[in-house]
Amino acid sequence: MAWGPTDPVETVNLKEHLAAIREALDAGRRPEAGGLLGLPALEDDVWVDTAGAAAVVGVPPKTITCWLSRGRPASMPFPAAHRYMYRLYWPLSQIEAWARFYSGSDNSGRRAAALKTK
C-alpha cells in the first residue's frame, strides 16, 4: 500500500527511545516535546500536528487531510508529513513558509478566498 504524500516515515526503536528519555530525565534534563513523541529534534523550530497546521493555514483540519490524500492544492501540493503513531507532523516553519508562498503567489486574492472557503 502506497502512502503517497505523507512519506517520509521515520522509524524509531521504542526500547532505545525509552532508554534515551529515561537517561535525560535521570540527568535532570527535559527531553523536547518532539523527542517525547519519537520525532527528530528540531533546532529553533517546533512540530505541529494536523490541527496546528490547519490553524496556521486557516483551514479546517479535514481540508489538510483531503489535500494530502489528493495531492492538493494542484498548483502547489501541501508539504509531505512525518508520520508517527498514526499521526501527522510538520515542522512549523515548513507550514508557515508554504502558507506564505501559497497565499502570496499569483492570483493571491482568489487563492486566499479559496483557502478560507475550503
PDB file of N, CA and C in Angstrom:
ATOM      1  N   MET A   1       0.852  -1.185   0.000  1.00  0.00           N
ATOM      2  CA  MET A   1       0.000   0.000   0.000  1.00  0.00           C
ATOM      3  C   MET A   1       0.889   1.236   0.000  1.00  0.00           C
ATOM      4  N   ALA A   2       0.702   2.111  -0.942  1.00  0.00           N
ATOM      5  CA  ALA A   2       1.489   3.344  -1.038  1.00  0.00           C
ATOM      6  C   ALA A   2       0.821   4.443  -0.224  1.00  0.00           C
ATOM      7  N   TRP A   3       1.620   5.175   0.532  1.00  0.00           N
ATOM      8  CA  TRP A   3       1.075   6.249   1.363  1.00  0.00           C
ATOM      9  C   TRP A   3       1.068   7.585   0.646  1.00  0.00           C
ATOM     10  N   GLY A   4       1.798   7.700  -0.428  1.00  0.00           N
ATOM     11  CA  GLY A   4       1.785   8.940  -1.193  1.00  0.00           C
ATOM     12  C   GLY A   4       2.447  10.097  -0.483  1.00  0.00           C
ATOM     13  N   PRO A   5       1.786  11.246  -0.440  1.00  0.00           N
ATOM     14  CA  PRO A   5       2.431  12.469   0.027  1.00  0.00           C
ATOM     15  C   PRO A   5       2.727  12.511   1.525  1.00  0.00           C
ATOM     16  N   THR A   6       2.352  11.474   2.297  1.00  0.00           N
ATOM     17  CA  THR A   6       2.659  11.519   3.726  1.00  0.00           C
ATOM     18  C   THR A   6       4.039  10.955   4.041  1.00  0.00           C
ATOM     19  N   ASP A   7       4.755  10.437   3.026  1.00  0.00           N
ATOM     20  CA  ASP A   7       6.122   9.999   3.259  1.00  0.00           C
ATOM     21  C   ASP A   7       6.983  11.228   3.465  1.00  0.00           C
ATOM     22  N   PRO A   8       8.057  11.286   4.123  1.00  0.00           N
ATOM     23  CA  PRO A   8       8.874  10.187   4.614  1.00  0.00           C
ATOM     24  C   PRO A   8       8.423   9.709   5.994  1.00  0.00           C
ATOM     25  N   VAL A   9       8.643   8.444   6.223  1.00  0.00           N
ATOM     26  CA  VAL A   9       8.287   7.853   7.503  1.00  0.00           C
ATOM     27  C   VAL A   9       9.580   7.573   8.265  1.00  0.00           C
ATOM     28  N   GLU A  10       9.611   8.039   9.505  1.00  0.00           N
ATOM     29  CA  GLU A  10      10.760   7.768  10.349  1.00  0.00           C
ATOM     30  C   GLU A  10      10.476   6.511  11.152  1.00  0.00           C
ATOM     31  N   THR A  11      11.492   5.722  11.370  1.00  0.00           N
ATOM     32  CA  THR A  11      11.325   4.563  12.228  1.00  0.00           C
ATOM     33  C   THR A  11      12.060   4.830  13.530  1.00  0.00           C
ATOM     34  N   VAL A  12      11.455   4.398  14.612  1.00  0.00           N
ATOM     35  CA  VAL A  12      12.025   4.630  15.928  1.00  0.00           C
ATOM     36  C   VAL A  12      12.051   3.304  16.671  1.00  0.00           C
ATOM     37  N   ASN A  13      13.209   2.972  17.222  1.00  0.00           N
ATOM     38  CA  ASN A  13      13.309   1.802  18.078  1.00  0.00           C
ATOM     39  C   ASN A  13      12.775   2.229  19.438  1.00  0.00           C
ATOM     40  N   LEU A  14      11.607   1.724  19.822  1.00  0.00           N
ATOM     41  CA  LEU A  14      10.946   2.202  21.032  1.00  0.00           C
ATOM     42  C   LEU A  14      11.743   1.926  22.297  1.00  0.00           C
ATOM     43  N   LYS A  15      12.443   0.789  22.373  1.00  0.00           N
ATOM     44  CA  LYS A  15      13.250   0.493  23.563  1.00  0.00           C
ATOM     45  C   LYS A  15      14.391   1.494  23.706  1.00  0.00           C
ATOM     46  N   GLU A  16      15.072   1.781  22.596  1.00  0.00           N
ATOM     47  CA  GLU A  16      16.160   2.767  22.626  1.00  0.00           C
ATOM     48  C   GLU A  16      15.627   4.153  22.949  1.00  0.00           C
ATOM     49  N   HIS A  17      14.483   4.476  22.385  1.00  0.00           N
ATOM     50  CA  HIS A  17      13.877   5.784  22.614  1.00  0.00           C
ATOM     51  C   HIS A  17      13.500   5.955  24.083  1.00  0.00           C
ATOM     52  N   LEU A  18      12.897   4.937  24.666  1.00  0.00           N
ATOM     53  CA  LEU A  18      12.533   4.977  26.076  1.00  0.00           C
ATOM     54  C   LEU A  18      13.775   5.112  26.953  1.00  0.00           C
ATOM     55  N   ALA A  19      14.832   4.391  26.614  1.00  0.00           N
ATOM     56  CA  ALA A  19      16.075   4.475  27.387  1.00  0.00           C
ATOM     57  C   ALA A  19      16.661   5.885  27.311  1.00  0.00           C
ATOM     58  N   ALA A  20      16.607   6.511  26.136  1.00  0.00           N
ATOM     59  CA  ALA A  20      17.137   7.868  25.978  1.00  0.00           C
ATOM     60  C   ALA A  20      16.322   8.870  26.786  1.00  0.00           C
ATOM     61  N   ILE A  21      15.014   8.704  26.822  1.00  0.00           N
ATOM     62  CA  ILE A  21      14.158   9.606  27.609  1.00  0.00           C
ATOM     63  C   ILE A  21      14.454   9.433  29.098  1.00  0.00           C
ATOM     64  N   ARG A  22      14.558   8.191  29.546  1.00  0.00           N
ATOM     65  CA  ARG A  22      14.859   7.941  30.968  1.00  0.00           C
ATOM     66  C   ARG A  22      16.221   8.508  31.352  1.00  0.00           C
ATOM     67  N   GLU A  23      17.201   8.340  30.465  1.00  0.00           N
ATOM     68  CA  GLU A  23      18.538   8.875  30.728  1.00  0.00           C
ATOM     69  C   GLU A  23      18.499  10.398  30.870  1.00  0.00           C
ATOM     70  N   ALA A  24      17.776  11.053  29.996  1.00  0.00           N
ATOM     71  CA  ALA A  24      17.666  12.516  30.065  1.00  0.00           C
ATOM     72  C   ALA A  24      16.976  12.942  31.356  1.00  0.00           C
ATOM     73  N   LEU A  25      15.908  12.261  31.713  1.00  0.00           N
ATOM     74  CA  LEU A  25      15.192  12.607  32.940  1.00  0.00           C
ATOM     75  C   LEU A  25      16.052  12.358  34.176  1.00  0.00           C
ATOM     76  N   ASP A  26      16.796  11.248  34.178  1.00  0.00           N
ATOM     77  CA  ASP A  26      17.679  10.951  35.301  1.00  0.00           C
ATOM     78  C   ASP A  26      18.788  11.988  35.447  1.00  0.00           C
ATOM     79  N   ALA A  27      19.216  12.562  34.321  1.00  0.00           N
ATOM     80  CA  ALA A  27      20.263  13.582  34.341  1.00  0.00           C
ATOM     81  C   ALA A  27      19.707  14.972  34.635  1.00  0.00           C
ATOM     82  N   GLY A  28      18.390  15.068  34.842  1.00  0.00           N
ATOM     83  CA  GLY A  28      17.782  16.357  35.151  1.00  0.00           C
ATOM     84  C   GLY A  28      17.454  17.200  33.942  1.00  0.00           C
ATOM     85  N   ARG A  29      17.507  16.609  32.750  1.00  0.00           N
ATOM     86  CA  ARG A  29      17.160  17.332  31.520  1.00  0.00           C
ATOM     87  C   ARG A  29      15.772  16.911  31.083  1.00  0.00           C
ATOM     88  N   ARG A  30      15.051  17.856  30.509  1.00  0.00           N
ATOM     89  CA  ARG A  30      13.733  17.533  29.950  1.00  0.00           C
ATOM     90  C   ARG A  30      13.879  17.323  28.457  1.00  0.00           C
ATOM     91  N   PRO A  31      13.458  16.186  27.960  1.00  0.00           N
ATOM     92  CA  PRO A  31      13.510  15.992  26.505  1.00  0.00           C
ATOM     93  C   PRO A  31      12.543  16.945  25.822  1.00  0.00           C
ATOM     94  N   GLU A  32      12.867  17.333  24.604  1.00  0.00           N
ATOM     95  CA  GLU A  32      11.976  18.203  23.841  1.00  0.00           C
ATOM     96  C   GLU A  32      10.677  17.457  23.564  1.00  0.00           C
ATOM     97  N   ALA A  33       9.605  18.199  23.379  1.00  0.00           N
ATOM     98  CA  ALA A  33       8.294  17.589  23.145  1.00  0.00           C
ATOM     99  C   ALA A  33       8.324  16.657  21.936  1.00  0.00           C
ATOM    100  N   GLY A  34       8.970  17.079  20.861  1.00  0.00           N
ATOM    101  CA  GLY A  34       9.067  16.210  19.686  1.00  0.00           C
ATOM    102  C   GLY A  34       9.827  14.945  20.004  1.00  0.00           C
ATOM    103  N   GLY A  35      10.843  15.058  20.854  1.00  0.00           N
ATOM    104  CA  GLY A  35      11.603  13.883  21.262  1.00  0.00           C
ATOM    105  C   GLY A  35      10.746  12.906  22.038  1.00  0.00           C
ATOM    106  N   LEU A  36       9.838  13.416  22.847  1.00  0.00           N
ATOM    107  CA  LEU A  36       8.931  12.536  23.579  1.00  0.00           C
ATOM    108  C   LEU A  36       8.034  11.765  22.631  1.00  0.00           C
ATOM    109  N   LEU A  37       7.715  12.368  21.498  1.00  0.00           N
ATOM    110  CA  LEU A  37       6.848  11.723  20.519  1.00  0.00           C
ATOM    111  C   LEU A  37       7.617  10.807  19.578  1.00  0.00           C
ATOM    112  N   GLY A  38       8.934  10.804  19.663  1.00  0.00           N
ATOM    113  CA  GLY A  38       9.732   9.982  18.768  1.00  0.00           C
ATOM    114  C   GLY A  38      10.107  10.674  17.483  1.00  0.00           C
ATOM    115  N   LEU A  39       9.877  11.980  17.424  1.00  0.00           N
ATOM    116  CA  LEU A  39      10.230  12.752  16.233  1.00  0.00           C
ATOM    117  C   LEU A  39      11.642  13.285  16.374  1.00  0.00           C
ATOM    118  N   PRO A  40      12.342  13.489  15.273  1.00  0.00           N
ATOM    119  CA  PRO A  40      13.699  14.024  15.363  1.00  0.00           C
ATOM    120  C   PRO A  40      13.692  15.420  15.978  1.00  0.00           C
ATOM    121  N   ALA A  41      14.761  15.748  16.686  1.00  0.00           N
ATOM    122  CA  ALA A  41      14.873  17.068  17.305  1.00  0.00           C
ATOM    123  C   ALA A  41      14.980  18.134  16.227  1.00  0.00           C
ATOM    124  N   LEU A  42      14.357  19.265  16.479  1.00  0.00           N
ATOM    125  CA  LEU A  42      14.423  20.398  15.560  1.00  0.00           C
ATOM    126  C   LEU A  42      15.147  21.537  16.248  1.00  0.00           C
ATOM    127  N   GLU A  43      16.053  22.148  15.539  1.00  0.00           N
ATOM    128  CA  GLU A  43      16.762  23.290  16.091  1.00  0.00           C
ATOM    129  C   GLU A  43      15.990  24.556  15.745  1.00  0.00           C
ATOM    130  N   ASP A  44      15.587  25.312  16.742  1.00  0.00           N
ATOM    131  CA  ASP A  44      14.849  26.568  16.561  1.00  0.00           C
ATOM    132  C   ASP A  44      13.522  26.386  15.828  1.00  0.00           C
ATOM    133  N   ASP A  45      12.847  25.277  16.057  1.00  0.00           N
ATOM    134  CA  ASP A  45      11.558  25.028  15.428  1.00  0.00           C
ATOM    135  C   ASP A  45      10.768  24.085  16.326  1.00  0.00           C
ATOM    136  N   VAL A  46       9.491  23.928  16.048  1.00  0.00           N
ATOM    137  CA  VAL A  46       8.632  23.006  16.797  1.00  0.00           C
ATOM    138  C   VAL A  46       7.817  22.182  15.807  1.00  0.00           C
ATOM    139  N   TRP A  47       7.317  21.043  16.291  1.00  0.00           N
ATOM    140  CA  TRP A  47       6.455  20.200  15.488  1.00  0.00           C
ATOM    141  C   TRP A  47       5.009  20.629  15.663  1.00  0.00           C
ATOM    142  N   VAL A  48       4.225  20.596  14.588  1.00  0.00           N
ATOM    143  CA  VAL A  48       2.786  20.830  14.662  1.00  0.00           C
ATOM    144  C   VAL A  48       2.082  19.625  14.048  1.00  0.00           C
ATOM    145  N   ASP A  49       0.922  19.309  14.601  1.00  0.00           N
ATOM    146  CA  ASP A  49       0.124  18.223  14.045  1.00  0.00           C
ATOM    147  C   ASP A  49      -0.864  18.802  13.040  1.00  0.00           C
ATOM    148  N   THR A  50      -1.817  17.988  12.621  1.00  0.00           N
ATOM    149  CA  THR A  50      -2.782  18.435  11.613  1.00  0.00           C
ATOM    150  C   THR A  50      -3.576  19.643  12.094  1.00  0.00           C
ATOM    151  N   ALA A  51      -3.985  19.628  13.359  1.00  0.00           N
ATOM    152  CA  ALA A  51      -4.744  20.766  13.887  1.00  0.00           C
ATOM    153  C   ALA A  51      -3.891  22.031  13.902  1.00  0.00           C
ATOM    154  N   GLY A  52      -2.630  21.901  14.280  1.00  0.00           N
ATOM    155  CA  GLY A  52      -1.737  23.064  14.290  1.00  0.00           C
ATOM    156  C   GLY A  52      -1.485  23.591  12.891  1.00  0.00           C
ATOM    157  N   ALA A  53      -1.282  22.676  11.938  1.00  0.00           N
ATOM    158  CA  ALA A  53      -1.071  23.100  10.548  1.00  0.00           C
ATOM    159  C   ALA A  53      -2.311  23.797  10.013  1.00  0.00           C
ATOM    160  N   ALA A  54      -3.486  23.266  10.354  1.00  0.00           N
ATOM    161  CA  ALA A  54      -4.735  23.884   9.902  1.00  0.00           C
ATOM    162  C   ALA A  54      -4.899  25.274  10.489  1.00  0.00           C
ATOM    163  N   ALA A  55      -4.513  25.454  11.745  1.00  0.00           N
ATOM    164  CA  ALA A  55      -4.615  26.774  12.378  1.00  0.00           C
ATOM    165  C   ALA A  55      -3.689  27.777  11.701  1.00  0.00           C
ATOM    166  N   VAL A  56      -2.496  27.349  11.345  1.00  0.00           N
ATOM    167  CA  VAL A  56      -1.541  28.254  10.683  1.00  0.00           C
ATOM    168  C   VAL A  56      -2.045  28.639   9.298  1.00  0.00           C
ATOM    169  N   VAL A  57      -2.557  27.666   8.560  1.00  0.00           N
ATOM    170  CA  VAL A  57      -3.007  27.912   7.187  1.00  0.00           C
ATOM    171  C   VAL A  57      -4.366  28.607   7.164  1.00  0.00           C
ATOM    172  N   GLY A  58      -5.181  28.362   8.192  1.00  0.00           N
ATOM    173  CA  GLY A  58      -6.500  28.994   8.253  1.00  0.00           C
ATOM    174  C   GLY A  58      -7.595  28.193   7.595  1.00  0.00           C
ATOM    175  N   VAL A  59      -7.478  26.869   7.641  1.00  0.00           N
ATOM    176  CA  VAL A  59      -8.490  25.982   7.073  1.00  0.00           C
ATOM    177  C   VAL A  59      -8.867  24.940   8.126  1.00  0.00           C
ATOM    178  N   PRO A  60      -9.984  24.234   7.946  1.00  0.00           N
ATOM    179  CA  PRO A  60     -10.323  23.146   8.871  1.00  0.00           C
ATOM    180  C   PRO A  60      -9.316  21.989   8.732  1.00  0.00           C
ATOM    181  N   PRO A  61      -9.084  21.230   9.799  1.00  0.00           N
ATOM    182  CA  PRO A  61      -8.152  20.094   9.714  1.00  0.00           C
ATOM    183  C   PRO A  61      -8.520  19.083   8.621  1.00  0.00           C
ATOM    184  N   LYS A  62      -9.795  18.873   8.365  1.00  0.00           N
ATOM    185  CA  LYS A  62     -10.192  17.929   7.311  1.00  0.00           C
ATOM    186  C   LYS A  62      -9.705  18.377   5.941  1.00  0.00           C
ATOM    187  N   THR A  63      -9.584  19.683   5.743  1.00  0.00           N
ATOM    188  CA  THR A  63      -9.071  20.188   4.467  1.00  0.00           C
ATOM    189  C   THR A  63      -7.626  19.749   4.278  1.00  0.00           C
ATOM    190  N   ILE A  64      -6.839  19.808   5.347  1.00  0.00           N
ATOM    191  CA  ILE A  64      -5.431  19.378   5.266  1.00  0.00           C
ATOM    192  C   ILE A  64      -5.371  17.901   4.880  1.00  0.00           C
ATOM    193  N   THR A  65      -6.149  17.053   5.547  1.00  0.00           N
ATOM    194  CA  THR A  65      -6.100  15.621   5.233  1.00  0.00           C
ATOM    195  C   THR A  65      -6.609  15.343   3.818  1.00  0.00           C
ATOM    196  N   CYS A  66      -7.600  16.093   3.363  1.00  0.00           N
ATOM    197  CA  CYS A  66      -8.070  15.937   1.979  1.00  0.00           C
ATOM    198  C   CYS A  66      -6.993  16.347   0.986  1.00  0.00           C
ATOM    199  N   TRP A  67      -6.324  17.467   1.262  1.00  0.00           N
ATOM    200  CA  TRP A  67      -5.236  17.906   0.381  1.00  0.00           C
ATOM    201  C   TRP A  67      -4.168  16.834   0.289  1.00  0.00           C
ATOM    202  N   LEU A  68      -3.802  16.257   1.410  1.00  0.00           N
ATOM    203  CA  LEU A  68      -2.745  15.243   1.418  1.00  0.00           C
ATOM    204  C   LEU A  68      -3.156  14.000   0.636  1.00  0.00           C
ATOM    205  N   SER A  69      -4.389  13.559   0.806  1.00  0.00           N
ATOM    206  CA  SER A  69      -4.824  12.340   0.125  1.00  0.00           C
ATOM    207  C   SER A  69      -4.989  12.541  -1.376  1.00  0.00           C
ATOM    208  N   ARG A  70      -5.220  13.767  -1.796  1.00  0.00           N
ATOM    209  CA  ARG A  70      -5.443  14.045  -3.218  1.00  0.00           C
ATOM    210  C   ARG A  70      -4.294  14.795  -3.889  1.00  0.00           C
ATOM    211  N   GLY A  71      -3.215  15.070  -3.136  1.00  0.00           N
ATOM    212  CA  GLY A  71      -2.098  15.808  -3.724  1.00  0.00           C
ATOM    213  C   GLY A  71      -2.461  17.237  -4.069  1.00  0.00           C
ATOM    214  N   ARG A  72      -3.250  17.862  -3.236  1.00  0.00           N
ATOM    215  CA  ARG A  72      -3.745  19.214  -3.482  1.00  0.00           C
ATOM    216  C   ARG A  72      -3.090  20.226  -2.575  1.00  0.00           C
ATOM    217  N   PRO A  73      -3.285  21.476  -2.785  1.00  0.00           N
ATOM    218  CA  PRO A  73      -3.826  22.124  -3.977  1.00  0.00           C
ATOM    219  C   PRO A  73      -2.977  21.802  -5.205  1.00  0.00           C
ATOM    220  N   ALA A  74      -3.627  21.699  -6.339  1.00  0.00           N
ATOM    221  CA  ALA A  74      -2.947  21.258  -7.558  1.00  0.00           C
ATOM    222  C   ALA A  74      -1.772  22.146  -7.927  1.00  0.00           C
ATOM    223  N   SER A  75      -1.906  23.449  -7.716  1.00  0.00           N
ATOM    224  CA  SER A  75      -0.845  24.368  -8.115  1.00  0.00           C
ATOM    225  C   SER A  75       0.370  24.284  -7.190  1.00  0.00           C
ATOM    226  N   MET A  76       0.163  23.830  -5.961  1.00  0.00           N
ATOM    227  CA  MET A  76       1.260  23.738  -5.005  1.00  0.00           C
ATOM    228  C   MET A  76       0.855  22.773  -3.895  1.00  0.00           C
ATOM    229  N   PRO A  77       1.108  21.463  -4.070  1.00  0.00           N
ATOM    230  CA  PRO A  77       0.664  20.481  -3.083  1.00  0.00           C
ATOM    231  C   PRO A  77       1.177  20.781  -1.678  1.00  0.00           C
ATOM    232  N   PHE A  78       0.360  20.423  -0.695  1.00  0.00           N
ATOM    233  CA  PHE A  78       0.699  20.632   0.706  1.00  0.00           C
ATOM    234  C   PHE A  78       1.938  19.813   1.047  1.00  0.00           C
ATOM    235  N   PRO A  79       2.813  20.316   1.923  1.00  0.00           N
ATOM    236  CA  PRO A  79       4.058  19.600   2.245  1.00  0.00           C
ATOM    237  C   PRO A  79       3.808  18.195   2.801  1.00  0.00           C
ATOM    238  N   ALA A  80       4.710  17.290   2.479  1.00  0.00           N
ATOM    239  CA  ALA A  80       4.632  15.921   2.990  1.00  0.00           C
ATOM    240  C   ALA A  80       4.812  15.934   4.504  1.00  0.00           C
ATOM    241  N   ALA A  81       4.091  15.051   5.161  1.00  0.00           N
ATOM    242  CA  ALA A  81       4.126  14.991   6.622  1.00  0.00           C
ATOM    243  C   ALA A  81       5.063  13.893   7.102  1.00  0.00           C
ATOM    244  N   HIS A  82       5.458  13.999   8.341  1.00  0.00           N
ATOM    245  CA  HIS A  82       6.193  12.947   9.034  1.00  0.00           C
ATOM    246  C   HIS A  82       5.139  12.178   9.831  1.00  0.00           C
ATOM    247  N   ARG A  83       5.087  10.887   9.641  1.00  0.00           N
ATOM    248  CA  ARG A  83       4.058  10.076  10.291  1.00  0.00           C
ATOM    249  C   ARG A  83       4.678   9.356  11.479  1.00  0.00           C
ATOM    250  N   TYR A  84       3.994   9.475  12.625  1.00  0.00           N
ATOM    251  CA  TYR A  84       4.420   8.750  13.810  1.00  0.00           C
ATOM    252  C   TYR A  84       3.181   8.385  14.621  1.00  0.00           C
ATOM    253  N   MET A  85       3.042   7.113  14.940  1.00  0.00           N
ATOM    254  CA  MET A  85       1.913   6.615  15.728  1.00  0.00           C
ATOM    255  C   MET A  85       0.579   7.061  15.121  1.00  0.00           C
ATOM    256  N   TYR A  86       0.450   6.896  13.812  1.00  0.00           N
ATOM    257  CA  TYR A  86      -0.787   7.197  13.077  1.00  0.00           C
ATOM    258  C   TYR A  86      -1.170   8.671  13.076  1.00  0.00           C
ATOM    259  N   ARG A  87      -0.225   9.536  13.425  1.00  0.00           N
ATOM    260  CA  ARG A  87      -0.492  10.977  13.379  1.00  0.00           C
ATOM    261  C   ARG A  87       0.511  11.625  12.446  1.00  0.00           C
ATOM    262  N   LEU A  88       0.149  12.788  11.937  1.00  0.00           N
ATOM    263  CA  LEU A  88       0.994  13.516  11.004  1.00  0.00           C
ATOM    264  C   LEU A  88       1.575  14.741  11.690  1.00  0.00           C
ATOM    265  N   TYR A  89       2.850  15.022  11.395  1.00  0.00           N
ATOM    266  CA  TYR A  89       3.538  16.160  11.982  1.00  0.00           C
ATOM    267  C   TYR A  89       4.366  16.865  10.921  1.00  0.00           C
ATOM    268  N   TRP A  90       4.503  18.190  11.077  1.00  0.00           N
ATOM    269  CA  TRP A  90       5.328  19.005  10.207  1.00  0.00           C
ATOM    270  C   TRP A  90       6.132  19.966  11.067  1.00  0.00           C
ATOM    271  N   PRO A  91       7.327  20.371  10.607  1.00  0.00           N
ATOM    272  CA  PRO A  91       7.988  21.488  11.279  1.00  0.00           C
ATOM    273  C   PRO A  91       7.149  22.749  11.037  1.00  0.00           C
ATOM    274  N   LEU A  92       6.935  23.533  12.072  1.00  0.00           N
ATOM    275  CA  LEU A  92       6.110  24.742  11.967  1.00  0.00           C
ATOM    276  C   LEU A  92       6.626  25.675  10.885  1.00  0.00           C
ATOM    277  N   SER A  93       7.931  25.832  10.785  1.00  0.00           N
ATOM    278  CA  SER A  93       8.489  26.744   9.786  1.00  0.00           C
ATOM    279  C   SER A  93       8.140  26.308   8.365  1.00  0.00           C
ATOM    280  N   GLN A  94       8.050  25.001   8.127  1.00  0.00           N
ATOM    281  CA  GLN A  94       7.696  24.494   6.799  1.00  0.00           C
ATOM    282  C   GLN A  94       6.256  24.872   6.445  1.00  0.00           C
ATOM    283  N   ILE A  95       5.353  24.761   7.408  1.00  0.00           N
ATOM    284  CA  ILE A  95       3.947  25.111   7.165  1.00  0.00           C
ATOM    285  C   ILE A  95       3.799  26.613   6.971  1.00  0.00           C
ATOM    286  N   GLU A  96       4.497  27.398   7.789  1.00  0.00           N
ATOM    287  CA  GLU A  96       4.427  28.857   7.642  1.00  0.00           C
ATOM    288  C   GLU A  96       4.961  29.296   6.287  1.00  0.00           C
ATOM    289  N   ALA A  97       6.056  28.689   5.838  1.00  0.00           N
ATOM    290  CA  ALA A  97       6.623  29.042   4.529  1.00  0.00           C
ATOM    291  C   ALA A  97       5.652  28.662   3.404  1.00  0.00           C
ATOM    292  N   TRP A  98       5.045  27.480   3.509  1.00  0.00           N
ATOM    293  CA  TRP A  98       4.079  27.069   2.492  1.00  0.00           C
ATOM    294  C   TRP A  98       2.907  28.038   2.452  1.00  0.00           C
ATOM    295  N   ALA A  99       2.376  28.403   3.613  1.00  0.00           N
ATOM    296  CA  ALA A  99       1.222  29.309   3.671  1.00  0.00           C
ATOM    297  C   ALA A  99       1.568  30.675   3.085  1.00  0.00           C
ATOM    298  N   ARG A 100       2.762  31.189   3.414  1.00  0.00           N
ATOM    299  CA  ARG A 100       3.181  32.491   2.855  1.00  0.00           C
ATOM    300  C   ARG A 100       3.290  32.415   1.344  1.00  0.00           C
ATOM    301  N   PHE A 101       3.938  31.381   0.841  1.00  0.00           N
ATOM    302  CA  PHE A 101       4.145  31.258  -0.591  1.00  0.00           C
ATOM    303  C   PHE A 101       2.826  31.016  -1.310  1.00  0.00           C
ATOM    304  N   TYR A 102       1.999  30.153  -0.760  1.00  0.00           N
ATOM    305  CA  TYR A 102       0.736  29.823  -1.412  1.00  0.00           C
ATOM    306  C   TYR A 102      -0.196  31.027  -1.473  1.00  0.00           C
ATOM    307  N   SER A 103      -0.303  31.744  -0.381  1.00  0.00           N
ATOM    308  CA  SER A 103      -1.214  32.901  -0.366  1.00  0.00           C
ATOM    309  C   SER A 103      -0.623  34.099  -1.103  1.00  0.00           C
ATOM    310  N   GLY A 104       0.687  34.132  -1.280  1.00  0.00           N
ATOM    311  CA  GLY A 104       1.324  35.261  -1.940  1.00  0.00           C
ATOM    312  C   GLY A 104       1.609  35.040  -3.400  1.00  0.00           C
ATOM    313  N   SER A 105       1.277  33.847  -3.931  1.00  0.00           N
ATOM    314  CA  SER A 105       1.569  33.578  -5.335  1.00  0.00           C
ATOM    315  C   SER A 105       0.550  34.270  -6.233  1.00  0.00           C
ATOM    316  N   ASP A 106       0.662  34.070  -7.537  1.00  0.00           N
ATOM    317  CA  ASP A 106      -0.246  34.709  -8.500  1.00  0.00           C
ATOM    318  C   ASP A 106      -1.691  34.432  -8.120  1.00  0.00           C
ATOM    319  N   ASN A 107      -2.546  35.378  -8.399  1.00  0.00           N
ATOM    320  CA  ASN A 107      -3.968  35.271  -8.064  1.00  0.00           C
ATOM    321  C   ASN A 107      -4.170  35.123  -6.563  1.00  0.00           C
ATOM    322  N   SER A 108      -3.377  35.821  -5.774  1.00  0.00           N
ATOM    323  CA  SER A 108      -3.416  35.632  -4.319  1.00  0.00           C
ATOM    324  C   SER A 108      -4.792  35.919  -3.734  1.00  0.00           C
ATOM    325  N   GLY A 109      -5.543  36.827  -4.317  1.00  0.00           N
ATOM    326  CA  GLY A 109      -6.872  37.102  -3.803  1.00  0.00           C
ATOM    327  C   GLY A 109      -7.785  35.892  -3.935  1.00  0.00           C
ATOM    328  N   ARG A 110      -7.747  35.246  -5.100  1.00  0.00           N
ATOM    329  CA  ARG A 110      -8.581  34.056  -5.291  1.00  0.00           C
ATOM    330  C   ARG A 110      -8.104  32.901  -4.428  1.00  0.00           C
ATOM    331  N   ARG A 111      -6.791  32.743  -4.311  1.00  0.00           N
ATOM    332  CA  ARG A 111      -6.269  31.633  -3.503  1.00  0.00           C
ATOM    333  C   ARG A 111      -6.562  31.838  -2.033  1.00  0.00           C
ATOM    334  N   ALA A 112      -6.428  33.055  -1.541  1.00  0.00           N
ATOM    335  CA  ALA A 112      -6.740  33.318  -0.139  1.00  0.00           C
ATOM    336  C   ALA A 112      -8.218  33.058   0.132  1.00  0.00           C
ATOM    337  N   ALA A 113      -9.085  33.448  -0.803  1.00  0.00           N
ATOM    338  CA  ALA A 113     -10.511  33.185  -0.641  1.00  0.00           C
ATOM    339  C   ALA A 113     -10.785  31.694  -0.680  1.00  0.00           C
ATOM    340  N   ALA A 114     -10.103  30.971  -1.561  1.00  0.00           N
ATOM    341  CA  ALA A 114     -10.293  29.515  -1.657  1.00  0.00           C
ATOM    342  C   ALA A 114      -9.853  28.835  -0.374  1.00  0.00           C
ATOM    343  N   LEU A 115      -8.759  29.322   0.223  1.00  0.00           N
ATOM    344  CA  LEU A 115      -8.287  28.732   1.469  1.00  0.00           C
ATOM    345  C   LEU A 115      -9.322  28.889   2.567  1.00  0.00           C
ATOM    346  N   LYS A 116     -10.007  30.037   2.607  1.00  0.00           N
ATOM    347  CA  LYS A 116     -10.965  30.294   3.666  1.00  0.00           C
ATOM    348  C   LYS A 116     -12.267  29.533   3.466  1.00  0.00           C
ATOM    349  N   THR A 117     -12.610  29.225   2.212  1.00  0.00           N
ATOM    350  CA  THR A 117     -13.879  28.548   1.968  1.00  0.00           C
ATOM    351  C   THR A 117     -13.773  27.044   2.028  1.00  0.00           C
ATOM    352  N   LYS A 118     -12.587  26.469   1.921  1.00  0.00           N
ATOM    353  CA  LYS A 118     -12.450  25.012   1.903  1.00  0.00           C
ATOM    354  C   LYS A 118     -12.420  24.446   3.273  1.00  0.00           C
TER     355      LYS A 118
END
